[in-house]
Amino acid sequence: MRGISIGYVNKIQVKYNYVLIKVNITLSSILIPKNSLVETTQTGLLNDTVIDITPLQTISNQDAEKFNVFNKSCLKSVFLCHYDYIKGERGLNYDDLVRAATRISQRFDDPMLFQLARMLLQNTIDISNEFIEVTDNMSSITIFIYDYLYKLFSNQL
């Protein structure tokens, strides 16, 4: 919890639609809020799997002082009690990262992608050349109008 080892996995049961993991918390003084994010995450080079528990709310010291997770009053509290369940999610893992990197590399290996990129760049160059030509023509027209108006007004003075 919060990056610190607080227990160990005691038992894993694989069911059809879920995996049930029994976790033993080593100290009864460790309080886990019921409103916590629980994720399995792979870490390290050897793909060690850990269970990350991240509390999503701030608990005051008054709530936590002399609290007993084995007491019956625990059921109505904001903390997980002895033998409570909490739903978790699958977090980050290296298999997903490798799959995503493989998909990206396959996309860049596609000749159609490079052909489309080449067409995009060529069209961008063509548009910029047309824009330069239009700007040049506008400049010539502006100079022509300026010269005409200058001659017109200079003759009247």
N, C-alpha and C. Protein backbone atom coordinates (compact mmCIF):
# COMPACT_ATOMS: atom_id res chain seq x y z
N MET A 1 0.85 -1.17 0.00
CA MET A 1 0.00 0.00 0.00
C MET A 1 0.90 1.23 0.00
N ARG A 2 0.64 2.14 -0.93
CA ARG A 2 1.46 3.34 -1.09
C ARG A 2 2.94 2.99 -1.28
N GLY A 3 3.18 1.86 -1.95
CA GLY A 3 4.54 1.46 -2.28
C GLY A 3 5.25 0.67 -1.21
N ILE A 4 4.55 0.29 -0.15
CA ILE A 4 5.17 -0.44 0.95
C ILE A 4 4.52 -1.81 1.06
N SER A 5 5.33 -2.83 1.27
CA SER A 5 4.81 -4.18 1.42
C SER A 5 4.09 -4.29 2.76
N ILE A 6 2.80 -4.69 2.70
CA ILE A 6 2.02 -4.79 3.93
C ILE A 6 1.51 -6.20 4.18
N GLY A 7 1.80 -7.12 3.28
CA GLY A 7 1.30 -8.47 3.46
C GLY A 7 1.75 -9.38 2.33
N TYR A 8 1.02 -10.48 2.16
CA TYR A 8 1.38 -11.44 1.14
C TYR A 8 0.12 -12.15 0.64
N VAL A 9 0.23 -12.74 -0.54
CA VAL A 9 -0.87 -13.50 -1.12
C VAL A 9 -0.86 -14.88 -0.51
N ASN A 10 -1.98 -15.26 0.07
CA ASN A 10 -2.10 -16.54 0.74
C ASN A 10 -2.69 -17.61 -0.17
N LYS A 11 -3.68 -17.23 -0.98
CA LYS A 11 -4.38 -18.21 -1.79
C LYS A 11 -4.94 -17.53 -3.03
N ILE A 12 -4.93 -18.26 -4.15
CA ILE A 12 -5.51 -17.76 -5.39
C ILE A 12 -6.50 -18.79 -5.90
N GLN A 13 -7.74 -18.35 -6.15
CA GLN A 13 -8.76 -19.23 -6.72
C GLN A 13 -9.16 -18.65 -8.08
N VAL A 14 -9.03 -19.44 -9.11
CA VAL A 14 -9.40 -19.01 -10.45
C VAL A 14 -10.81 -19.52 -10.74
N LYS A 15 -11.72 -18.60 -11.02
CA LYS A 15 -13.10 -18.94 -11.35
C LYS A 15 -13.33 -18.60 -12.83
N TYR A 16 -14.53 -18.88 -13.33
CA TYR A 16 -14.81 -18.64 -14.75
C TYR A 16 -14.75 -17.17 -15.12
N ASN A 17 -15.29 -16.31 -14.29
CA ASN A 17 -15.38 -14.89 -14.63
C ASN A 17 -14.53 -13.98 -13.76
N TYR A 18 -13.79 -14.54 -12.84
CA TYR A 18 -12.99 -13.71 -11.95
C TYR A 18 -11.90 -14.54 -11.29
N VAL A 19 -11.01 -13.85 -10.63
CA VAL A 19 -9.96 -14.49 -9.83
C VAL A 19 -10.12 -13.96 -8.41
N LEU A 20 -10.17 -14.86 -7.45
CA LEU A 20 -10.30 -14.48 -6.05
C LEU A 20 -8.95 -14.67 -5.38
N ILE A 21 -8.43 -13.61 -4.80
CA ILE A 21 -7.11 -13.66 -4.17
C ILE A 21 -7.28 -13.37 -2.69
N LYS A 22 -6.79 -14.29 -1.86
CA LYS A 22 -6.82 -14.08 -0.42
C LYS A 22 -5.48 -13.48 -0.02
N VAL A 23 -5.54 -12.31 0.59
CA VAL A 23 -4.33 -11.58 0.97
C VAL A 23 -4.29 -11.51 2.50
N ASN A 24 -3.15 -11.83 3.05
CA ASN A 24 -2.95 -11.69 4.49
C ASN A 24 -2.17 -10.41 4.74
N ILE A 25 -2.75 -9.54 5.54
CA ILE A 25 -2.08 -8.30 5.96
C ILE A 25 -1.32 -8.64 7.24
N THR A 26 -0.04 -8.32 7.26
CA THR A 26 0.81 -8.78 8.36
C THR A 26 0.56 -8.07 9.68
N LEU A 27 0.07 -6.85 9.66
CA LEU A 27 -0.16 -6.11 10.89
C LEU A 27 -1.63 -5.69 10.99
N SER A 28 -2.22 -5.86 12.16
CA SER A 28 -3.61 -5.44 12.33
C SER A 28 -3.73 -3.92 12.40
N SER A 29 -2.62 -3.23 12.55
CA SER A 29 -2.66 -1.76 12.61
C SER A 29 -2.75 -1.14 11.22
N ILE A 30 -2.60 -1.93 10.17
CA ILE A 30 -2.73 -1.42 8.80
C ILE A 30 -4.21 -1.32 8.48
N LEU A 31 -4.67 -0.13 8.19
CA LEU A 31 -6.08 0.10 7.88
C LEU A 31 -6.20 0.46 6.41
N ILE A 32 -7.07 -0.26 5.73
CA ILE A 32 -7.29 -0.02 4.30
C ILE A 32 -8.70 0.53 4.13
N PRO A 33 -8.83 1.75 3.59
CA PRO A 33 -10.17 2.30 3.37
C PRO A 33 -10.95 1.46 2.35
N LYS A 34 -12.26 1.34 2.56
CA LYS A 34 -13.09 0.61 1.61
C LYS A 34 -13.09 1.29 0.25
N ASN A 35 -12.93 2.58 0.24
CA ASN A 35 -12.87 3.34 -1.01
C ASN A 35 -11.41 3.40 -1.46
N SER A 36 -10.92 2.27 -1.98
CA SER A 36 -9.54 2.18 -2.45
C SER A 36 -9.53 1.56 -3.83
N LEU A 37 -8.53 1.93 -4.59
CA LEU A 37 -8.31 1.35 -5.91
C LEU A 37 -7.35 0.17 -5.74
N VAL A 38 -7.79 -1.01 -6.18
CA VAL A 38 -6.98 -2.22 -6.06
C VAL A 38 -6.66 -2.70 -7.48
N GLU A 39 -5.36 -2.84 -7.78
CA GLU A 39 -4.93 -3.26 -9.11
C GLU A 39 -3.80 -4.28 -8.98
N THR A 40 -3.79 -5.23 -9.90
CA THR A 40 -2.63 -6.10 -10.02
C THR A 40 -1.72 -5.48 -11.06
N THR A 41 -0.45 -5.41 -10.75
CA THR A 41 0.52 -4.75 -11.63
C THR A 41 1.77 -5.61 -11.71
N GLN A 42 2.35 -5.66 -12.90
CA GLN A 42 3.63 -6.35 -13.05
C GLN A 42 4.75 -5.33 -12.93
N THR A 43 5.76 -5.69 -12.17
CA THR A 43 6.89 -4.79 -11.97
C THR A 43 8.18 -5.54 -12.17
N GLY A 44 9.23 -4.79 -12.40
CA GLY A 44 10.56 -5.38 -12.48
C GLY A 44 10.80 -6.13 -13.77
N LEU A 45 12.03 -6.56 -13.94
CA LEU A 45 12.43 -7.28 -15.14
C LEU A 45 11.93 -8.72 -15.16
N LEU A 46 11.63 -9.27 -13.99
CA LEU A 46 11.18 -10.65 -13.92
C LEU A 46 9.66 -10.77 -13.85
N ASN A 47 8.97 -9.68 -14.15
CA ASN A 47 7.50 -9.64 -14.14
C ASN A 47 6.90 -10.05 -12.80
N ASP A 48 7.47 -9.57 -11.72
CA ASP A 48 6.88 -9.82 -10.41
C ASP A 48 5.51 -9.14 -10.37
N THR A 49 4.51 -9.87 -9.90
CA THR A 49 3.17 -9.33 -9.83
C THR A 49 2.90 -8.87 -8.40
N VAL A 50 2.40 -7.65 -8.29
CA VAL A 50 2.07 -7.09 -6.99
C VAL A 50 0.63 -6.61 -7.02
N ILE A 51 0.06 -6.48 -5.85
CA ILE A 51 -1.28 -5.91 -5.72
C ILE A 51 -1.11 -4.51 -5.17
N ASP A 52 -1.48 -3.52 -5.97
CA ASP A 52 -1.41 -2.13 -5.53
C ASP A 52 -2.73 -1.73 -4.91
N ILE A 53 -2.68 -1.17 -3.72
CA ILE A 53 -3.86 -0.65 -3.03
C ILE A 53 -3.63 0.83 -2.84
N THR A 54 -4.45 1.63 -3.50
CA THR A 54 -4.32 3.08 -3.41
C THR A 54 -5.59 3.66 -2.79
N PRO A 55 -5.52 4.19 -1.57
CA PRO A 55 -6.70 4.81 -0.96
C PRO A 55 -7.15 6.02 -1.79
N LEU A 56 -8.46 6.14 -2.00
CA LEU A 56 -9.01 7.23 -2.80
C LEU A 56 -9.61 8.34 -1.95
N GLN A 57 -9.49 8.21 -0.66
CA GLN A 57 -9.99 9.26 0.22
C GLN A 57 -9.01 9.46 1.37
N THR A 58 -9.06 10.62 1.95
CA THR A 58 -8.18 10.93 3.07
C THR A 58 -8.89 10.53 4.37
N ILE A 59 -8.20 9.82 5.20
CA ILE A 59 -8.74 9.38 6.48
C ILE A 59 -8.06 10.18 7.59
N SER A 60 -8.87 10.70 8.50
CA SER A 60 -8.29 11.48 9.60
C SER A 60 -7.73 10.54 10.66
N ASN A 61 -6.82 11.08 11.43
CA ASN A 61 -6.21 10.28 12.52
C ASN A 61 -7.25 9.87 13.56
N GLN A 62 -8.28 10.69 13.74
CA GLN A 62 -9.31 10.35 14.72
C GLN A 62 -10.07 9.09 14.31
N ASP A 63 -10.30 8.93 13.00
CA ASP A 63 -10.99 7.73 12.53
C ASP A 63 -10.14 6.48 12.73
N ALA A 64 -8.84 6.64 12.64
CA ALA A 64 -7.94 5.49 12.66
C ALA A 64 -7.45 5.11 14.06
N GLU A 65 -7.53 6.01 15.00
CA GLU A 65 -6.99 5.72 16.34
C GLU A 65 -7.76 4.59 17.03
N LYS A 66 -7.02 3.64 17.53
CA LYS A 66 -7.56 2.52 18.31
C LYS A 66 -8.69 1.81 17.58
N PHE A 67 -8.59 1.70 16.28
CA PHE A 67 -9.60 1.02 15.48
C PHE A 67 -9.24 -0.45 15.39
N ASN A 68 -10.22 -1.33 15.52
CA ASN A 68 -9.97 -2.77 15.51
C ASN A 68 -10.71 -3.39 14.33
N VAL A 69 -9.96 -3.98 13.40
CA VAL A 69 -10.57 -4.59 12.21
C VAL A 69 -11.30 -5.89 12.54
N PHE A 70 -11.11 -6.42 13.74
CA PHE A 70 -11.75 -7.68 14.14
C PHE A 70 -13.06 -7.44 14.89
N ASN A 71 -13.37 -6.19 15.19
CA ASN A 71 -14.56 -5.82 15.95
C ASN A 71 -15.79 -5.82 15.05
N LYS A 72 -16.99 -6.10 15.61
CA LYS A 72 -18.22 -6.09 14.81
C LYS A 72 -18.59 -4.68 14.36
N SER A 73 -18.17 -3.67 15.09
CA SER A 73 -18.47 -2.29 14.70
C SER A 73 -17.71 -1.89 13.44
N CYS A 74 -16.76 -2.69 13.06
CA CYS A 74 -15.96 -2.41 11.87
C CYS A 74 -16.81 -2.44 10.60
N LEU A 75 -17.87 -3.24 10.60
CA LEU A 75 -18.68 -3.41 9.39
C LEU A 75 -19.27 -2.09 8.89
N LYS A 76 -19.55 -1.16 9.80
CA LYS A 76 -20.15 0.12 9.42
C LYS A 76 -19.10 1.22 9.23
N SER A 77 -17.86 0.87 9.33
CA SER A 77 -16.79 1.87 9.24
C SER A 77 -16.37 2.08 7.79
N VAL A 78 -15.42 2.98 7.61
CA VAL A 78 -14.88 3.28 6.27
C VAL A 78 -13.70 2.37 5.94
N PHE A 79 -13.35 1.45 6.84
CA PHE A 79 -12.20 0.58 6.63
C PHE A 79 -12.64 -0.84 6.29
N LEU A 80 -11.75 -1.55 5.60
CA LEU A 80 -11.97 -2.97 5.35
C LEU A 80 -11.81 -3.72 6.66
N CYS A 81 -12.68 -4.68 6.89
CA CYS A 81 -12.63 -5.47 8.11
C CYS A 81 -12.03 -6.84 7.82
N HIS A 82 -11.86 -7.61 8.88
CA HIS A 82 -11.34 -8.97 8.76
C HIS A 82 -12.28 -9.78 7.88
N TYR A 83 -11.74 -10.46 6.86
CA TYR A 83 -12.48 -11.27 5.89
C TYR A 83 -13.37 -10.45 4.95
N ASP A 84 -13.12 -9.18 4.80
CA ASP A 84 -13.85 -8.36 3.83
C ASP A 84 -13.33 -8.63 2.42
N TYR A 85 -14.16 -8.31 1.45
CA TYR A 85 -13.80 -8.41 0.04
C TYR A 85 -13.77 -7.01 -0.56
N ILE A 86 -12.89 -6.83 -1.51
CA ILE A 86 -12.87 -5.58 -2.26
C ILE A 86 -12.57 -5.94 -3.72
N LYS A 87 -13.28 -5.30 -4.61
CA LYS A 87 -13.11 -5.60 -6.04
C LYS A 87 -11.88 -4.86 -6.57
N GLY A 88 -11.10 -5.58 -7.34
CA GLY A 88 -9.91 -4.99 -7.94
C GLY A 88 -9.97 -5.05 -9.45
N GLU A 89 -9.01 -4.42 -10.07
CA GLU A 89 -8.91 -4.38 -11.53
C GLU A 89 -7.53 -4.85 -11.94
N ARG A 90 -7.44 -5.22 -13.19
CA ARG A 90 -6.13 -5.57 -13.76
C ARG A 90 -5.42 -4.28 -14.12
N GLY A 91 -4.24 -4.11 -13.62
CA GLY A 91 -3.47 -2.90 -13.87
C GLY A 91 -2.52 -3.08 -15.04
N LEU A 92 -1.40 -2.40 -14.97
CA LEU A 92 -0.41 -2.45 -16.02
C LEU A 92 0.32 -3.79 -16.03
N ASN A 93 0.61 -4.28 -17.23
CA ASN A 93 1.47 -5.45 -17.32
C ASN A 93 2.28 -5.36 -18.61
N TYR A 94 3.38 -6.08 -18.63
CA TYR A 94 4.31 -5.99 -19.76
C TYR A 94 3.77 -6.68 -21.01
N ASP A 95 2.90 -7.66 -20.85
CA ASP A 95 2.33 -8.32 -22.03
C ASP A 95 1.52 -7.34 -22.87
N ASP A 96 0.71 -6.51 -22.20
CA ASP A 96 -0.06 -5.50 -22.93
C ASP A 96 0.87 -4.49 -23.61
N LEU A 97 1.93 -4.12 -22.92
CA LEU A 97 2.89 -3.18 -23.49
C LEU A 97 3.56 -3.76 -24.73
N VAL A 98 3.94 -5.04 -24.67
CA VAL A 98 4.58 -5.68 -25.82
C VAL A 98 3.59 -5.79 -26.97
N ARG A 99 2.34 -6.14 -26.68
CA ARG A 99 1.32 -6.22 -27.74
C ARG A 99 1.11 -4.87 -28.40
N ALA A 100 1.01 -3.82 -27.60
CA ALA A 100 0.80 -2.48 -28.15
C ALA A 100 2.00 -2.04 -29.00
N ALA A 101 3.20 -2.31 -28.51
CA ALA A 101 4.39 -1.94 -29.28
C ALA A 101 4.46 -2.72 -30.59
N THR A 102 4.05 -3.99 -30.56
CA THR A 102 4.03 -4.80 -31.78
C THR A 102 3.04 -4.24 -32.78
N ARG A 103 1.84 -3.86 -32.31
CA ARG A 103 0.83 -3.28 -33.21
C ARG A 103 1.33 -1.99 -33.83
N ILE A 104 1.96 -1.14 -33.03
CA ILE A 104 2.48 0.12 -33.55
C ILE A 104 3.57 -0.13 -34.59
N SER A 105 4.47 -1.05 -34.30
CA SER A 105 5.55 -1.34 -35.26
C SER A 105 4.99 -1.95 -36.54
N GLN A 106 3.92 -2.74 -36.44
CA GLN A 106 3.30 -3.29 -37.64
C GLN A 106 2.65 -2.19 -38.47
N ARG A 107 2.08 -1.20 -37.82
CA ARG A 107 1.48 -0.09 -38.55
C ARG A 107 2.55 0.70 -39.32
N PHE A 108 3.70 0.90 -38.69
CA PHE A 108 4.77 1.63 -39.36
C PHE A 108 5.44 0.80 -40.45
N ASP A 109 5.25 -0.50 -40.40
CA ASP A 109 5.83 -1.38 -41.41
C ASP A 109 4.94 -1.48 -42.65
N ASP A 110 3.75 -0.93 -42.57
CA ASP A 110 2.78 -1.00 -43.66
C ASP A 110 3.17 -0.03 -44.78
N PRO A 111 3.39 -0.52 -46.02
CA PRO A 111 3.76 0.37 -47.13
C PRO A 111 2.67 1.39 -47.45
N MET A 112 1.41 1.03 -47.20
CA MET A 112 0.30 1.95 -47.47
C MET A 112 0.42 3.20 -46.60
N LEU A 113 0.88 3.04 -45.36
CA LEU A 113 1.06 4.19 -44.47
C LEU A 113 2.07 5.16 -45.05
N PHE A 114 3.19 4.64 -45.54
CA PHE A 114 4.21 5.52 -46.11
C PHE A 114 3.72 6.17 -47.41
N GLN A 115 2.92 5.46 -48.17
CA GLN A 115 2.37 6.04 -49.39
C GLN A 115 1.41 7.17 -49.04
N LEU A 116 0.58 6.97 -48.03
CA LEU A 116 -0.34 8.03 -47.60
C LEU A 116 0.42 9.22 -47.01
N ALA A 117 1.47 8.95 -46.26
CA ALA A 117 2.28 10.04 -45.70
C ALA A 117 2.96 10.82 -46.82
N ARG A 118 3.45 10.11 -47.83
CA ARG A 118 4.09 10.77 -48.97
C ARG A 118 3.07 11.65 -49.71
N MET A 119 1.85 11.11 -49.91
CA MET A 119 0.80 11.90 -50.58
C MET A 119 0.45 13.14 -49.76
N LEU A 120 0.37 12.99 -48.44
CA LEU A 120 0.06 14.12 -47.57
C LEU A 120 1.13 15.20 -47.70
N LEU A 121 2.38 14.79 -47.65
CA LEU A 121 3.47 15.76 -47.77
C LEU A 121 3.48 16.41 -49.14
N GLN A 122 3.24 15.64 -50.20
CA GLN A 122 3.22 16.20 -51.55
C GLN A 122 2.07 17.20 -51.70
N ASN A 123 0.90 16.86 -51.15
CA ASN A 123 -0.24 17.78 -51.21
C ASN A 123 0.03 19.05 -50.40
N THR A 124 0.71 18.90 -49.28
CA THR A 124 1.07 20.07 -48.47
C THR A 124 2.03 20.97 -49.24
N ILE A 125 2.98 20.39 -49.94
CA ILE A 125 3.92 21.18 -50.75
C ILE A 125 3.18 21.88 -51.88
N ASP A 126 2.26 21.15 -52.54
CA ASP A 126 1.48 21.74 -53.64
C ASP A 126 0.64 22.91 -53.14
N ILE A 127 0.00 22.73 -51.99
CA ILE A 127 -0.83 23.81 -51.43
C ILE A 127 0.03 25.00 -51.07
N SER A 128 1.18 24.76 -50.48
CA SER A 128 2.05 25.89 -50.11
C SER A 128 2.58 26.59 -51.37
N ASN A 129 2.86 25.85 -52.44
CA ASN A 129 3.28 26.49 -53.69
C ASN A 129 2.16 27.34 -54.27
N GLU A 130 0.93 26.83 -54.22
CA GLU A 130 -0.22 27.61 -54.69
C GLU A 130 -0.40 28.86 -53.83
N PHE A 131 -0.23 28.72 -52.54
CA PHE A 131 -0.36 29.86 -51.64
C PHE A 131 0.69 30.92 -51.95
N ILE A 132 1.91 30.47 -52.23
CA ILE A 132 2.99 31.42 -52.60
C ILE A 132 2.63 32.14 -53.90
N GLU A 133 2.09 31.40 -54.86
CA GLU A 133 1.71 32.00 -56.14
C GLU A 133 0.58 33.01 -55.96
N VAL A 134 -0.42 32.66 -55.16
CA VAL A 134 -1.54 33.59 -54.90
C VAL A 134 -1.03 34.84 -54.17
N THR A 135 -0.16 34.65 -53.19
CA THR A 135 0.40 35.78 -52.46
C THR A 135 1.22 36.66 -53.38
N ASP A 136 1.99 36.05 -54.27
CA ASP A 136 2.79 36.81 -55.24
C ASP A 136 1.88 37.61 -56.18
N ASN A 137 0.80 36.99 -56.67
CA ASN A 137 -0.15 37.69 -57.54
C ASN A 137 -0.82 38.83 -56.80
N MET A 138 -1.20 38.60 -55.53
CA MET A 138 -1.82 39.67 -54.72
C MET A 138 -0.84 40.83 -54.55
N SER A 139 0.42 40.51 -54.36
CA SER A 139 1.43 41.54 -54.22
C SER A 139 1.56 42.36 -55.50
N SER A 140 1.57 41.68 -56.65
CA SER A 140 1.67 42.38 -57.94
C SER A 140 0.45 43.26 -58.17
N ILE A 141 -0.72 42.76 -57.84
CA ILE A 141 -1.95 43.55 -58.01
C ILE A 141 -1.92 44.76 -57.08
N THR A 142 -1.46 44.57 -55.85
CA THR A 142 -1.39 45.68 -54.90
C THR A 142 -0.42 46.75 -55.39
N ILE A 143 0.71 46.33 -55.93
CA ILE A 143 1.69 47.29 -56.47
C ILE A 143 1.09 48.03 -57.67
N PHE A 144 0.39 47.31 -58.53
CA PHE A 144 -0.24 47.92 -59.69
C PHE A 144 -1.27 48.96 -59.26
N ILE A 145 -2.13 48.62 -58.29
CA ILE A 145 -3.14 49.57 -57.80
C ILE A 145 -2.47 50.77 -57.14
N TYR A 146 -1.43 50.53 -56.39
CA TYR A 146 -0.71 51.63 -55.74
C TYR A 146 -0.15 52.59 -56.78
N ASP A 147 0.52 52.03 -57.81
CA ASP A 147 1.10 52.87 -58.87
C ASP A 147 0.01 53.66 -59.59
N TYR A 148 -1.12 53.01 -59.88
CA TYR A 148 -2.21 53.69 -60.58
C TYR A 148 -2.77 54.83 -59.73
N LEU A 149 -3.03 54.54 -58.44
CA LEU A 149 -3.57 55.58 -57.57
C LEU A 149 -2.55 56.71 -57.35
N TYR A 150 -1.30 56.39 -57.30
CA TYR A 150 -0.28 57.40 -57.11
C TYR A 150 -0.23 58.34 -58.31
N LYS A 151 -0.25 57.76 -59.51
CA LYS A 151 -0.25 58.59 -60.72
C LYS A 151 -1.52 59.40 -60.82
N LEU A 152 -2.65 58.81 -60.45
CA LEU A 152 -3.91 59.51 -60.53
C LEU A 152 -3.94 60.70 -59.59
N PHE A 153 -3.52 60.53 -58.36
CA PHE A 153 -3.59 61.60 -57.39
C PHE A 153 -2.44 62.60 -57.57
N SER A 154 -1.32 62.15 -58.07
CA SER A 154 -0.21 63.09 -58.29
C SER A 154 -0.51 64.01 -59.46
N ASN A 155 -1.28 63.60 -60.45
CA ASN A 155 -1.66 64.45 -61.58
C ASN A 155 -2.69 65.48 -61.16
N GLN A 156 -3.49 65.19 -60.18
CA GLN A 156 -4.54 66.12 -59.75
C GLN A 156 -3.99 67.18 -58.81
N LEU A 157 -2.85 66.99 -58.26
CA LEU A 157 -2.29 67.99 -57.34
C LEU A 157 -1.61 69.01 -58.11
